Amino acid sequence: MDWREAEKVRIRILVDNYIDVFEPSTDLVKRVTPGQAKKPLLAGHGYSLFIEAEGEEGYHNILVDASHSPDLLLHNMEALEIDPNSVETFFLTHGHVDHFGGLGGFLKARGGGIEVHTHPAAFLPKLVVTPRGKVGPWQLPKDDLEALGAQFVTNKEPKVVNHYFLLSGEVPRVTPFEKPWPAARVIRRDGQEVLDSFEDEQSLVIKVKDQGLVVVAGCSHPGIINMVKHAQELGKDRVSAVIGGFHLGVVTGDVMEGTILHLKELEADLVVPCHCTGFRATSRMSQVLGPTFAVNCVGSIVQLGTVSP
């Protein structure tokens, strides 16, 4: 597996649930100040990141997830002056609609083919069972997206894309406290509706020279600590940063506290909870993690490695 170190990494938050134009910048996280973007940014219940990396293999980028809506994704890309045609490749973390809902609109705006990397189980219909009834099912529309230029490339095992970006493959469940989400269901190929183990959910991992591993998650349905441990097994290095939705809004207090304790024990340089982490867990992280914690805001840029002034 030819996985190269990056010397510089920039992670731009294109879509997320939260925005605050007055949140101050830090050494590692730069904020969009009022008037800096081409037009006001929008937040919503979706998730999308634009990741750029530079190293000995030159410059490469990848778009991770596409939000729940093309309107939100394309609006923010235009506001941040990111041309859809500048995106080299796309990675879908898992098959939930708040991560693939904007993909069709992105492909239309791009007007050309692009590789879309994901797990083969991401194409299965998925739904959530709530006290008010079922939400879904929703399904990644493979044929429609291929007609718009999506070139699907599936993987179950770890795989390197564009030299710097490692797709983790399936994540083993090793922690005793990170259990499957009871409300999540998947419809198997035989038509049976079963508990969703989220075998399709992968992380993206980057090795940053002299700093360590950057672990990027979508919703962390397999458990963010499981995902971090898997990344460490693959990368054999310390974890420098953890960024993503941690899906802690629906877990018990002991699971939340256990997750935060494990994140603290990593002694990472940066932890950025996003999207589905939940207000309670995000607030608790701000107390426990101290300066390692950074609140996520749409438009923010996480800068790692050798950063230009």
C-alpha atoms as a PDB file:
ATOM      1  CA  MET A   1       0.000   0.000   0.000  1.00  0.00           C
ATOM      2  CA  ASP A   2       1.778   3.114  -1.271  1.00  0.00           C
ATOM      3  CA  TRP A   3       0.534   5.701   1.221  1.00  0.00           C
ATOM      4  CA  ARG A   4       2.526   8.936   1.190  1.00  0.00           C
ATOM      5  CA  GLU A   5       3.010  11.550   3.882  1.00  0.00           C
ATOM      6  CA  ALA A   6       1.602  15.009   3.320  1.00  0.00           C
ATOM      7  CA  GLU A   7       3.572  18.071   4.309  1.00  0.00           C
ATOM      8  CA  LYS A   8       0.569  20.422   4.269  1.00  0.00           C
ATOM      9  CA  VAL A   9      -3.116  19.655   4.827  1.00  0.00           C
ATOM     10  CA  ARG A  10      -6.106  21.999   4.603  1.00  0.00           C
ATOM     11  CA  ILE A  11      -9.581  20.790   5.530  1.00  0.00           C
ATOM     12  CA  ARG A  12     -12.354  23.209   4.594  1.00  0.00           C
ATOM     13  CA  ILE A  13     -15.758  22.707   6.231  1.00  0.00           C
ATOM     14  CA  LEU A  14     -18.213  23.161   3.357  1.00  0.00           C
ATOM     15  CA  VAL A  15     -21.424  22.002   5.051  1.00  0.00           C
ATOM     16  CA  ASP A  16     -22.207  21.344   8.696  1.00  0.00           C
ATOM     17  CA  ASN A  17     -24.945  21.957  11.251  1.00  0.00           C
ATOM     18  CA  TYR A  18     -23.433  25.060  12.856  1.00  0.00           C
ATOM     19  CA  ILE A  19     -22.079  28.449  11.916  1.00  0.00           C
ATOM     20  CA  ASP A  20     -20.770  31.349  14.018  1.00  0.00           C
ATOM     21  CA  VAL A  21     -19.099  34.256  12.242  1.00  0.00           C
ATOM     22  CA  PHE A  22     -17.672  35.565  15.525  1.00  0.00           C
ATOM     23  CA  GLU A  23     -15.943  32.360  16.642  1.00  0.00           C
ATOM     24  CA  PRO A  24     -12.230  33.284  16.952  1.00  0.00           C
ATOM     25  CA  SER A  25      -9.507  31.595  14.925  1.00  0.00           C
ATOM     26  CA  THR A  26      -6.768  29.519  16.539  1.00  0.00           C
ATOM     27  CA  ASP A  27      -3.339  28.406  15.371  1.00  0.00           C
ATOM     28  CA  LEU A  28      -4.870  25.313  13.732  1.00  0.00           C
ATOM     29  CA  VAL A  29      -8.383  26.472  12.810  1.00  0.00           C
ATOM     30  CA  LYS A  30      -8.988  29.587  10.722  1.00  0.00           C
ATOM     31  CA  ARG A  31     -12.493  31.067  10.671  1.00  0.00           C
ATOM     32  CA  VAL A  32     -14.379  32.934   7.968  1.00  0.00           C
ATOM     33  CA  THR A  33     -14.959  36.462   9.223  1.00  0.00           C
ATOM     34  CA  PRO A  34     -17.906  38.660   8.175  1.00  0.00           C
ATOM     35  CA  GLY A  35     -17.469  39.872   4.610  1.00  0.00           C
ATOM     36  CA  GLN A  36     -14.646  37.442   3.832  1.00  0.00           C
ATOM     37  CA  ALA A  37     -16.796  35.009   1.830  1.00  0.00           C
ATOM     38  CA  LYS A  38     -18.288  35.925  -1.525  1.00  0.00           C
ATOM     39  CA  LYS A  39     -21.764  35.696   0.050  1.00  0.00           C
ATOM     40  CA  PRO A  40     -23.138  34.581   3.436  1.00  0.00           C
ATOM     41  CA  LEU A  41     -22.551  30.926   4.263  1.00  0.00           C
ATOM     42  CA  LEU A  42     -25.385  28.564   5.183  1.00  0.00           C
ATOM     43  CA  ALA A  43     -25.602  25.770   7.757  1.00  0.00           C
ATOM     44  CA  GLY A  44     -27.881  22.727   7.803  1.00  0.00           C
ATOM     45  CA  HIS A  45     -28.109  19.092   8.868  1.00  0.00           C
ATOM     46  CA  GLY A  46     -25.596  17.742   6.387  1.00  0.00           C
ATOM     47  CA  TYR A  47     -21.862  17.258   6.069  1.00  0.00           C
ATOM     48  CA  SER A  48     -19.223  17.949   3.438  1.00  0.00           C
ATOM     49  CA  LEU A  49     -15.484  18.636   3.567  1.00  0.00           C
ATOM     50  CA  PHE A  50     -12.986  19.732   0.917  1.00  0.00           C
ATOM     51  CA  ILE A  51      -9.539  18.361   1.778  1.00  0.00           C
ATOM     52  CA  GLU A  52      -6.302  19.495   0.138  1.00  0.00           C
ATOM     53  CA  ALA A  53      -2.879  17.932   0.665  1.00  0.00           C
ATOM     54  CA  GLU A  54       0.620  18.698  -0.578  1.00  0.00           C
ATOM     55  CA  GLY A  55       3.825  16.684  -0.372  1.00  0.00           C
ATOM     56  CA  GLU A  56       6.416  14.960  -2.517  1.00  0.00           C
ATOM     57  CA  GLU A  57       3.647  13.788  -4.860  1.00  0.00           C
ATOM     58  CA  GLY A  58       2.531  17.368  -5.468  1.00  0.00           C
ATOM     59  CA  TYR A  59      -0.934  18.771  -4.778  1.00  0.00           C
ATOM     60  CA  HIS A  60      -4.093  16.657  -4.563  1.00  0.00           C
ATOM     61  CA  ASN A  61      -7.606  17.145  -3.209  1.00  0.00           C
ATOM     62  CA  ILE A  62     -10.725  15.167  -2.376  1.00  0.00           C
ATOM     63  CA  LEU A  63     -14.338  16.058  -1.607  1.00  0.00           C
ATOM     64  CA  VAL A  64     -15.695  14.074   1.346  1.00  0.00           C
ATOM     65  CA  ASP A  65     -19.489  13.673   1.388  1.00  0.00           C
ATOM     66  CA  ALA A  66     -21.999  15.959  -0.317  1.00  0.00           C
ATOM     67  CA  SER A  67     -24.390  17.166   2.378  1.00  0.00           C
ATOM     68  CA  HIS A  68     -28.140  16.509   2.399  1.00  0.00           C
ATOM     69  CA  SER A  69     -28.869  19.115  -0.262  1.00  0.00           C
ATOM     70  CA  PRO A  70     -27.206  20.313  -3.465  1.00  0.00           C
ATOM     71  CA  ASP A  71     -28.569  23.790  -2.764  1.00  0.00           C
ATOM     72  CA  LEU A  72     -26.568  24.121   0.444  1.00  0.00           C
ATOM     73  CA  LEU A  73     -23.414  22.475  -0.907  1.00  0.00           C
ATOM     74  CA  LEU A  74     -23.253  24.477  -4.131  1.00  0.00           C
ATOM     75  CA  HIS A  75     -24.165  27.736  -2.376  1.00  0.00           C
ATOM     76  CA  ASN A  76     -21.264  27.353   0.055  1.00  0.00           C
ATOM     77  CA  MET A  77     -18.829  26.196  -2.626  1.00  0.00           C
ATOM     78  CA  GLU A  78     -19.627  29.327  -4.613  1.00  0.00           C
ATOM     79  CA  ALA A  79     -19.347  31.512  -1.501  1.00  0.00           C
ATOM     80  CA  LEU A  80     -15.912  30.036  -0.747  1.00  0.00           C
ATOM     81  CA  GLU A  81     -14.903  30.167  -4.441  1.00  0.00           C
ATOM     82  CA  ILE A  82     -14.334  26.433  -4.823  1.00  0.00           C
ATOM     83  CA  ASP A  83     -15.039  25.375  -8.409  1.00  0.00           C
ATOM     84  CA  PRO A  84     -16.743  21.944  -8.621  1.00  0.00           C
ATOM     85  CA  ASN A  85     -14.503  21.199 -11.614  1.00  0.00           C
ATOM     86  CA  SER A  86     -11.410  21.651  -9.425  1.00  0.00           C
ATOM     87  CA  VAL A  87     -12.357  18.597  -7.331  1.00  0.00           C
ATOM     88  CA  GLU A  88     -10.172  15.621  -8.259  1.00  0.00           C
ATOM     89  CA  THR A  89     -12.095  12.786  -6.620  1.00  0.00           C
ATOM     90  CA  PHE A  90     -14.996  12.117  -4.234  1.00  0.00           C
ATOM     91  CA  PHE A  91     -15.358   9.909  -1.142  1.00  0.00           C
ATOM     92  CA  LEU A  92     -18.714   8.950   0.375  1.00  0.00           C
ATOM     93  CA  THR A  93     -18.235   7.893   4.001  1.00  0.00           C
ATOM     94  CA  HIS A  94     -21.493   5.891   4.210  1.00  0.00           C
ATOM     95  CA  GLY A  95     -24.917   5.531   2.664  1.00  0.00           C
ATOM     96  CA  HIS A  96     -27.011   8.053   4.608  1.00  0.00           C
ATOM     97  CA  VAL A  97     -28.877  10.767   2.751  1.00  0.00           C
ATOM     98  CA  ASP A  98     -27.405  13.659   4.756  1.00  0.00           C
ATOM     99  CA  HIS A  99     -24.072  12.664   3.217  1.00  0.00           C
ATOM    100  CA  PHE A 100     -25.047  11.819  -0.378  1.00  0.00           C
ATOM    101  CA  GLY A 101     -28.102  14.054  -0.916  1.00  0.00           C
ATOM    102  CA  GLY A 102     -26.141  16.778  -2.686  1.00  0.00           C
ATOM    103  CA  LEU A 103     -24.076  14.479  -4.901  1.00  0.00           C
ATOM    104  CA  GLY A 104     -26.386  14.649  -7.921  1.00  0.00           C
ATOM    105  CA  GLY A 105     -26.418  18.446  -7.871  1.00  0.00           C
ATOM    106  CA  PHE A 106     -22.640  18.524  -7.511  1.00  0.00           C
ATOM    107  CA  LEU A 107     -22.255  16.238 -10.542  1.00  0.00           C
ATOM    108  CA  LYS A 108     -24.587  18.441 -12.601  1.00  0.00           C
ATOM    109  CA  ALA A 109     -22.646  21.564 -11.643  1.00  0.00           C
ATOM    110  CA  ARG A 110     -19.390  19.839 -12.458  1.00  0.00           C
ATOM    111  CA  GLY A 111     -20.502  18.689 -15.881  1.00  0.00           C
ATOM    112  CA  GLY A 112     -17.954  15.900 -16.113  1.00  0.00           C
ATOM    113  CA  GLY A 113     -17.122  12.463 -14.776  1.00  0.00           C
ATOM    114  CA  ILE A 114     -15.462  11.852 -11.418  1.00  0.00           C
ATOM    115  CA  GLU A 115     -14.546   8.777  -9.397  1.00  0.00           C
ATOM    116  CA  VAL A 116     -16.826   8.226  -6.391  1.00  0.00           C
ATOM    117  CA  HIS A 117     -15.243   5.980  -3.775  1.00  0.00           C
ATOM    118  CA  THR A 118     -17.436   4.140  -1.282  1.00  0.00           C
ATOM    119  CA  HIS A 119     -18.187   0.751   0.269  1.00  0.00           C
ATOM    120  CA  PRO A 120     -20.467  -1.576  -1.767  1.00  0.00           C
ATOM    121  CA  ALA A 121     -22.971  -1.755   1.114  1.00  0.00           C
ATOM    122  CA  ALA A 122     -23.540   2.013   0.848  1.00  0.00           C
ATOM    123  CA  PHE A 123     -25.994   1.235  -1.986  1.00  0.00           C
ATOM    124  CA  LEU A 124     -28.390  -0.698   0.272  1.00  0.00           C
ATOM    125  CA  PRO A 125     -31.635   1.008   1.400  1.00  0.00           C
ATOM    126  CA  LYS A 126     -31.357   2.451   4.916  1.00  0.00           C
ATOM    127  CA  LEU A 127     -33.856   3.799   7.417  1.00  0.00           C
ATOM    128  CA  VAL A 128     -34.266   4.883  11.037  1.00  0.00           C
ATOM    129  CA  VAL A 129     -36.962   3.659  13.436  1.00  0.00           C
ATOM    130  CA  THR A 130     -38.239   6.389  15.771  1.00  0.00           C
ATOM    131  CA  PRO A 131     -41.049   6.487  18.383  1.00  0.00           C
ATOM    132  CA  ARG A 132     -43.156   8.275  15.740  1.00  0.00           C
ATOM    133  CA  GLY A 133     -42.506   5.657  13.095  1.00  0.00           C
ATOM    134  CA  LYS A 134     -39.975   4.900  10.392  1.00  0.00           C
ATOM    135  CA  VAL A 135     -37.936   7.567   8.599  1.00  0.00           C
ATOM    136  CA  GLY A 136     -36.864   6.405   5.155  1.00  0.00           C
ATOM    137  CA  PRO A 137     -35.899   4.219   3.527  1.00  0.00           C
ATOM    138  CA  TRP A 138     -33.472   6.203   1.429  1.00  0.00           C
ATOM    139  CA  GLN A 139     -31.047   4.734  -1.057  1.00  0.00           C
ATOM    140  CA  LEU A 140     -28.023   5.974  -2.957  1.00  0.00           C
ATOM    141  CA  PRO A 141     -29.376   6.285  -6.546  1.00  0.00           C
ATOM    142  CA  LYS A 142     -26.553   4.503  -8.362  1.00  0.00           C
ATOM    143  CA  ASP A 143     -27.993   4.516 -11.885  1.00  0.00           C
ATOM    144  CA  ASP A 144     -29.066   8.166 -11.760  1.00  0.00           C
ATOM    145  CA  LEU A 145     -25.691   9.279 -10.427  1.00  0.00           C
ATOM    146  CA  GLU A 146     -23.804   7.244 -13.027  1.00  0.00           C
ATOM    147  CA  ALA A 147     -25.855   8.976 -15.718  1.00  0.00           C
ATOM    148  CA  LEU A 148     -24.576  12.282 -14.314  1.00  0.00           C
ATOM    149  CA  GLY A 149     -20.934  11.175 -14.456  1.00  0.00           C
ATOM    150  CA  ALA A 150     -20.324   9.263 -11.221  1.00  0.00           C
ATOM    151  CA  GLN A 151     -17.735   6.525 -11.720  1.00  0.00           C
ATOM    152  CA  PHE A 152     -18.234   4.327  -8.672  1.00  0.00           C
ATOM    153  CA  VAL A 153     -15.200   2.580  -7.199  1.00  0.00           C
ATOM    154  CA  THR A 154     -15.971   0.345  -4.218  1.00  0.00           C
ATOM    155  CA  ASN A 155     -13.715  -1.049  -1.524  1.00  0.00           C
ATOM    156  CA  LYS A 156     -14.015  -3.126   1.638  1.00  0.00           C
ATOM    157  CA  GLU A 157     -10.317  -3.134   2.479  1.00  0.00           C
ATOM    158  CA  PRO A 158      -8.025  -0.137   3.115  1.00  0.00           C
ATOM    159  CA  LYS A 159      -7.201   1.743  -0.061  1.00  0.00           C
ATOM    160  CA  VAL A 160      -5.078   4.782  -0.946  1.00  0.00           C
ATOM    161  CA  VAL A 161      -6.527   7.466  -3.214  1.00  0.00           C
ATOM    162  CA  ASN A 162      -4.386  10.209  -4.769  1.00  0.00           C
ATOM    163  CA  HIS A 163      -1.276   9.251  -2.784  1.00  0.00           C
ATOM    164  CA  TYR A 164      -2.236  10.938   0.507  1.00  0.00           C
ATOM    165  CA  PHE A 165      -5.786   9.838   1.323  1.00  0.00           C
ATOM    166  CA  LEU A 166      -6.269   6.428   2.941  1.00  0.00           C
ATOM    167  CA  LEU A 167      -9.808   5.047   2.916  1.00  0.00           C
ATOM    168  CA  SER A 168      -9.943   2.844   5.996  1.00  0.00           C
ATOM    169  CA  GLY A 169     -12.074  -0.010   4.721  1.00  0.00           C
ATOM    170  CA  GLU A 170     -14.393  -1.758   7.172  1.00  0.00           C
ATOM    171  CA  VAL A 171     -13.880  -0.749  10.802  1.00  0.00           C
ATOM    172  CA  PRO A 172     -13.592  -3.544  13.412  1.00  0.00           C
ATOM    173  CA  ARG A 173     -15.641  -3.031  16.581  1.00  0.00           C
ATOM    174  CA  VAL A 174     -13.192  -3.511  19.459  1.00  0.00           C
ATOM    175  CA  THR A 175     -14.334  -1.173  22.248  1.00  0.00           C
ATOM    176  CA  PRO A 176     -16.830  -2.622  24.748  1.00  0.00           C
ATOM    177  CA  PHE A 177     -18.955   0.532  24.954  1.00  0.00           C
ATOM    178  CA  GLU A 178     -19.510   1.514  21.293  1.00  0.00           C
ATOM    179  CA  LYS A 179     -22.560  -0.502  20.285  1.00  0.00           C
ATOM    180  CA  PRO A 180     -24.669  -0.408  17.084  1.00  0.00           C
ATOM    181  CA  TRP A 181     -27.303   2.338  17.008  1.00  0.00           C
ATOM    182  CA  PRO A 182     -30.581   0.508  17.862  1.00  0.00           C
ATOM    183  CA  ALA A 183     -32.695   2.794  15.661  1.00  0.00           C
ATOM    184  CA  ALA A 184     -30.710   2.204  12.470  1.00  0.00           C
ATOM    185  CA  ARG A 185     -31.908  -0.352   9.946  1.00  0.00           C
ATOM    186  CA  VAL A 186     -30.706  -1.593   6.578  1.00  0.00           C
ATOM    187  CA  ILE A 187     -32.638  -3.614   3.998  1.00  0.00           C
ATOM    188  CA  ARG A 188     -30.491  -6.506   2.840  1.00  0.00           C
ATOM    189  CA  ARG A 189     -30.388  -7.787  -0.717  1.00  0.00           C
ATOM    190  CA  ASP A 190     -32.830 -10.551   0.253  1.00  0.00           C
ATOM    191  CA  GLY A 191     -35.345  -7.860   1.278  1.00  0.00           C
ATOM    192  CA  GLN A 192     -35.028  -8.435   5.023  1.00  0.00           C
ATOM    193  CA  GLU A 193     -34.902  -5.369   7.296  1.00  0.00           C
ATOM    194  CA  VAL A 194     -32.182  -5.819   9.951  1.00  0.00           C
ATOM    195  CA  LEU A 195     -30.150  -3.792  12.433  1.00  0.00           C
ATOM    196  CA  ASP A 196     -27.559  -1.741  10.537  1.00  0.00           C
ATOM    197  CA  SER A 197     -24.011  -2.598  11.618  1.00  0.00           C
ATOM    198  CA  PHE A 198     -22.669   0.151   9.320  1.00  0.00           C
ATOM    199  CA  GLU A 199     -20.157  -2.085   7.627  1.00  0.00           C
ATOM    200  CA  ASP A 200     -20.179   0.548   4.880  1.00  0.00           C
ATOM    201  CA  GLU A 201     -18.872   3.407   7.020  1.00  0.00           C
ATOM    202  CA  GLN A 202     -15.204   4.237   6.526  1.00  0.00           C
ATOM    203  CA  SER A 203     -12.921   6.985   7.742  1.00  0.00           C
ATOM    204  CA  LEU A 204     -10.349   8.890   5.723  1.00  0.00           C
ATOM    205  CA  VAL A 205      -6.846   9.057   7.190  1.00  0.00           C
ATOM    206  CA  ILE A 206      -3.922  11.316   6.277  1.00  0.00           C
ATOM    207  CA  LYS A 207      -0.330  11.000   7.489  1.00  0.00           C
ATOM    208  CA  VAL A 208       1.100  14.450   8.179  1.00  0.00           C
ATOM    209  CA  LYS A 209       4.883  14.648   8.222  1.00  0.00           C
ATOM    210  CA  ASP A 210       6.338  15.061  11.728  1.00  0.00           C
ATOM    211  CA  GLN A 211       2.862  15.362  13.271  1.00  0.00           C
ATOM    212  CA  GLY A 212       0.958  12.089  12.917  1.00  0.00           C
ATOM    213  CA  LEU A 213      -2.399  10.865  11.690  1.00  0.00           C
ATOM    214  CA  VAL A 214      -5.443  12.946  10.843  1.00  0.00           C
ATOM    215  CA  VAL A 215      -8.625  10.877  11.193  1.00  0.00           C
ATOM    216  CA  VAL A 216     -11.650  12.241   9.313  1.00  0.00           C
ATOM    217  CA  ALA A 217     -15.026  10.648  10.078  1.00  0.00           C
ATOM    218  CA  GLY A 218     -18.492  11.093   8.624  1.00  0.00           C
ATOM    219  CA  CYS A 219     -20.926  10.023  11.377  1.00  0.00           C
ATOM    220  CA  SER A 220     -18.813   7.499  13.324  1.00  0.00           C
ATOM    221  CA  HIS A 221     -21.633   4.955  13.481  1.00  0.00           C
ATOM    222  CA  PRO A 222     -19.050   2.188  14.131  1.00  0.00           C
ATOM    223  CA  GLY A 223     -17.770   4.336  17.040  1.00  0.00           C
ATOM    224  CA  ILE A 224     -15.224   7.115  16.739  1.00  0.00           C
ATOM    225  CA  ILE A 225     -12.820   5.342  19.101  1.00  0.00           C
ATOM    226  CA  ASN A 226     -13.077   2.163  17.018  1.00  0.00           C
ATOM    227  CA  MET A 227     -12.336   4.277  13.946  1.00  0.00           C
ATOM    228  CA  VAL A 228      -9.341   5.934  15.594  1.00  0.00           C
ATOM    229  CA  LYS A 229      -7.940   2.609  16.803  1.00  0.00           C
ATOM    230  CA  HIS A 230      -8.309   1.168  13.297  1.00  0.00           C
ATOM    231  CA  ALA A 231      -6.506   4.195  11.843  1.00  0.00           C
ATOM    232  CA  GLN A 232      -3.675   3.690  14.331  1.00  0.00           C
ATOM    233  CA  GLU A 233      -3.382   0.040  13.317  1.00  0.00           C
ATOM    234  CA  LEU A 234      -3.094   1.093   9.683  1.00  0.00           C
ATOM    235  CA  GLY A 235      -0.844   4.111  10.193  1.00  0.00           C
ATOM    236  CA  LYS A 236       1.378   2.998  13.083  1.00  0.00           C
ATOM    237  CA  ASP A 237       1.658   6.561  14.369  1.00  0.00           C
ATOM    238  CA  ARG A 238       0.232   8.958  16.944  1.00  0.00           C
ATOM    239  CA  VAL A 239      -3.065  10.684  16.217  1.00  0.00           C
ATOM    240  CA  SER A 240      -2.621  14.384  15.556  1.00  0.00           C
ATOM    241  CA  ALA A 241      -6.238  15.338  14.827  1.00  0.00           C
ATOM    242  CA  VAL A 242      -9.731  13.836  14.885  1.00  0.00           C
ATOM    243  CA  ILE A 243     -12.429  15.582  12.849  1.00  0.00           C
ATOM    244  CA  GLY A 244     -15.982  14.502  12.138  1.00  0.00           C
ATOM    245  CA  GLY A 245     -19.449  13.696  13.306  1.00  0.00           C
ATOM    246  CA  PHE A 246     -19.215  11.494  16.412  1.00  0.00           C
ATOM    247  CA  HIS A 247     -22.936  10.598  16.698  1.00  0.00           C
ATOM    248  CA  LEU A 248     -23.098  11.038  20.466  1.00  0.00           C
ATOM    249  CA  GLY A 249     -26.449  12.797  20.639  1.00  0.00           C
ATOM    250  CA  VAL A 250     -28.313   9.476  20.833  1.00  0.00           C
ATOM    251  CA  VAL A 251     -26.091   7.569  23.280  1.00  0.00           C
ATOM    252  CA  THR A 252     -26.231   7.164  27.059  1.00  0.00           C
ATOM    253  CA  GLY A 253     -24.172   9.341  29.368  1.00  0.00           C
ATOM    254  CA  ASP A 254     -21.652   6.607  30.153  1.00  0.00           C
ATOM    255  CA  VAL A 255     -20.969   5.996  26.450  1.00  0.00           C
ATOM    256  CA  MET A 256     -20.522   9.720  25.899  1.00  0.00           C
ATOM    257  CA  GLU A 257     -18.153  10.062  28.859  1.00  0.00           C
ATOM    258  CA  GLY A 258     -16.192   6.970  27.819  1.00  0.00           C
ATOM    259  CA  THR A 259     -15.771   8.315  24.308  1.00  0.00           C
ATOM    260  CA  ILE A 260     -14.589  11.716  25.518  1.00  0.00           C
ATOM    261  CA  LEU A 261     -12.155  10.117  27.982  1.00  0.00           C
ATOM    262  CA  HIS A 262     -10.611   8.036  25.195  1.00  0.00           C
ATOM    263  CA  LEU A 263     -10.321  11.124  22.993  1.00  0.00           C
ATOM    264  CA  LYS A 264      -8.542  12.939  25.814  1.00  0.00           C
ATOM    265  CA  GLU A 265      -6.145  10.021  26.304  1.00  0.00           C
ATOM    266  CA  LEU A 266      -5.061  10.309  22.669  1.00  0.00           C
ATOM    267  CA  GLU A 267      -3.276  13.574  23.530  1.00  0.00           C
ATOM    268  CA  ALA A 268      -4.031  14.761  20.013  1.00  0.00           C
ATOM    269  CA  ASP A 269      -3.299  18.297  18.896  1.00  0.00           C
ATOM    270  CA  LEU A 270      -6.872  18.886  17.765  1.00  0.00           C
ATOM    271  CA  VAL A 271     -10.358  17.396  18.150  1.00  0.00           C
ATOM    272  CA  VAL A 272     -13.155  18.933  16.066  1.00  0.00           C
ATOM    273  CA  PRO A 273     -16.620  17.437  16.690  1.00  0.00           C
ATOM    274  CA  CYS A 274     -18.993  18.102  13.797  1.00  0.00           C
ATOM    275  CA  HIS A 275     -22.470  17.425  12.413  1.00  0.00           C
ATOM    276  CA  CYS A 276     -24.175  14.694  14.480  1.00  0.00           C
ATOM    277  CA  THR A 277     -22.021  14.892  17.616  1.00  0.00           C
ATOM    278  CA  GLY A 278     -24.813  16.596  19.553  1.00  0.00           C
ATOM    279  CA  PHE A 279     -24.919  19.710  21.724  1.00  0.00           C
ATOM    280  CA  ARG A 280     -24.515  17.889  25.042  1.00  0.00           C
ATOM    281  CA  ALA A 281     -21.426  15.953  23.922  1.00  0.00           C
ATOM    282  CA  THR A 282     -19.888  18.951  22.174  1.00  0.00           C
ATOM    283  CA  SER A 283     -20.344  21.075  25.296  1.00  0.00           C
ATOM    284  CA  ARG A 284     -18.801  18.368  27.453  1.00  0.00           C
ATOM    285  CA  MET A 285     -15.807  18.074  25.117  1.00  0.00           C
ATOM    286  CA  SER A 286     -15.195  21.799  25.374  1.00  0.00           C
ATOM    287  CA  GLN A 287     -14.858  21.333  29.151  1.00  0.00           C
ATOM    288  CA  VAL A 288     -12.796  18.132  29.188  1.00  0.00           C
ATOM    289  CA  LEU A 289     -10.475  18.539  26.198  1.00  0.00           C
ATOM    290  CA  GLY A 290      -9.421  22.116  26.859  1.00  0.00           C
ATOM    291  CA  PRO A 291      -7.289  23.731  24.136  1.00  0.00           C
ATOM    292  CA  THR A 292      -7.374  20.514  22.073  1.00  0.00           C
ATOM    293  CA  PHE A 293     -11.075  21.153  21.388  1.00  0.00           C
ATOM    294  CA  ALA A 294     -12.311  23.385  18.564  1.00  0.00           C
ATOM    295  CA  VAL A 295     -15.957  24.045  17.814  1.00  0.00           C
ATOM    296  CA  ASN A 296     -16.824  23.393  14.199  1.00  0.00           C
ATOM    297  CA  CYS A 297     -18.234  26.166  12.016  1.00  0.00           C
ATOM    298  CA  VAL A 298     -19.139  26.185   8.335  1.00  0.00           C
ATOM    299  CA  GLY A 299     -16.315  27.722   6.307  1.00  0.00           C
ATOM    300  CA  SER A 300     -13.575  26.984   8.837  1.00  0.00           C
ATOM    301  CA  ILE A 301     -10.206  25.742   7.599  1.00  0.00           C
ATOM    302  CA  VAL A 302      -8.250  23.206   9.640  1.00  0.00           C
ATOM    303  CA  GLN A 303      -4.568  23.706   8.802  1.00  0.00           C
ATOM    304  CA  LEU A 304      -2.022  21.020   9.644  1.00  0.00           C
ATOM    305  CA  GLY A 305       1.589  20.402   8.759  1.00  0.00           C
ATOM    306  CA  THR A 306       3.775  23.145   7.354  1.00  0.00           C
ATOM    307  CA  VAL A 307       1.378  26.078   7.212  1.00  0.00           C
ATOM    308  CA  SER A 308       2.074  29.117   5.078  1.00  0.00           C
ATOM    309  CA  PRO A 309       1.460  32.496   6.743  1.00  0.00           C
END
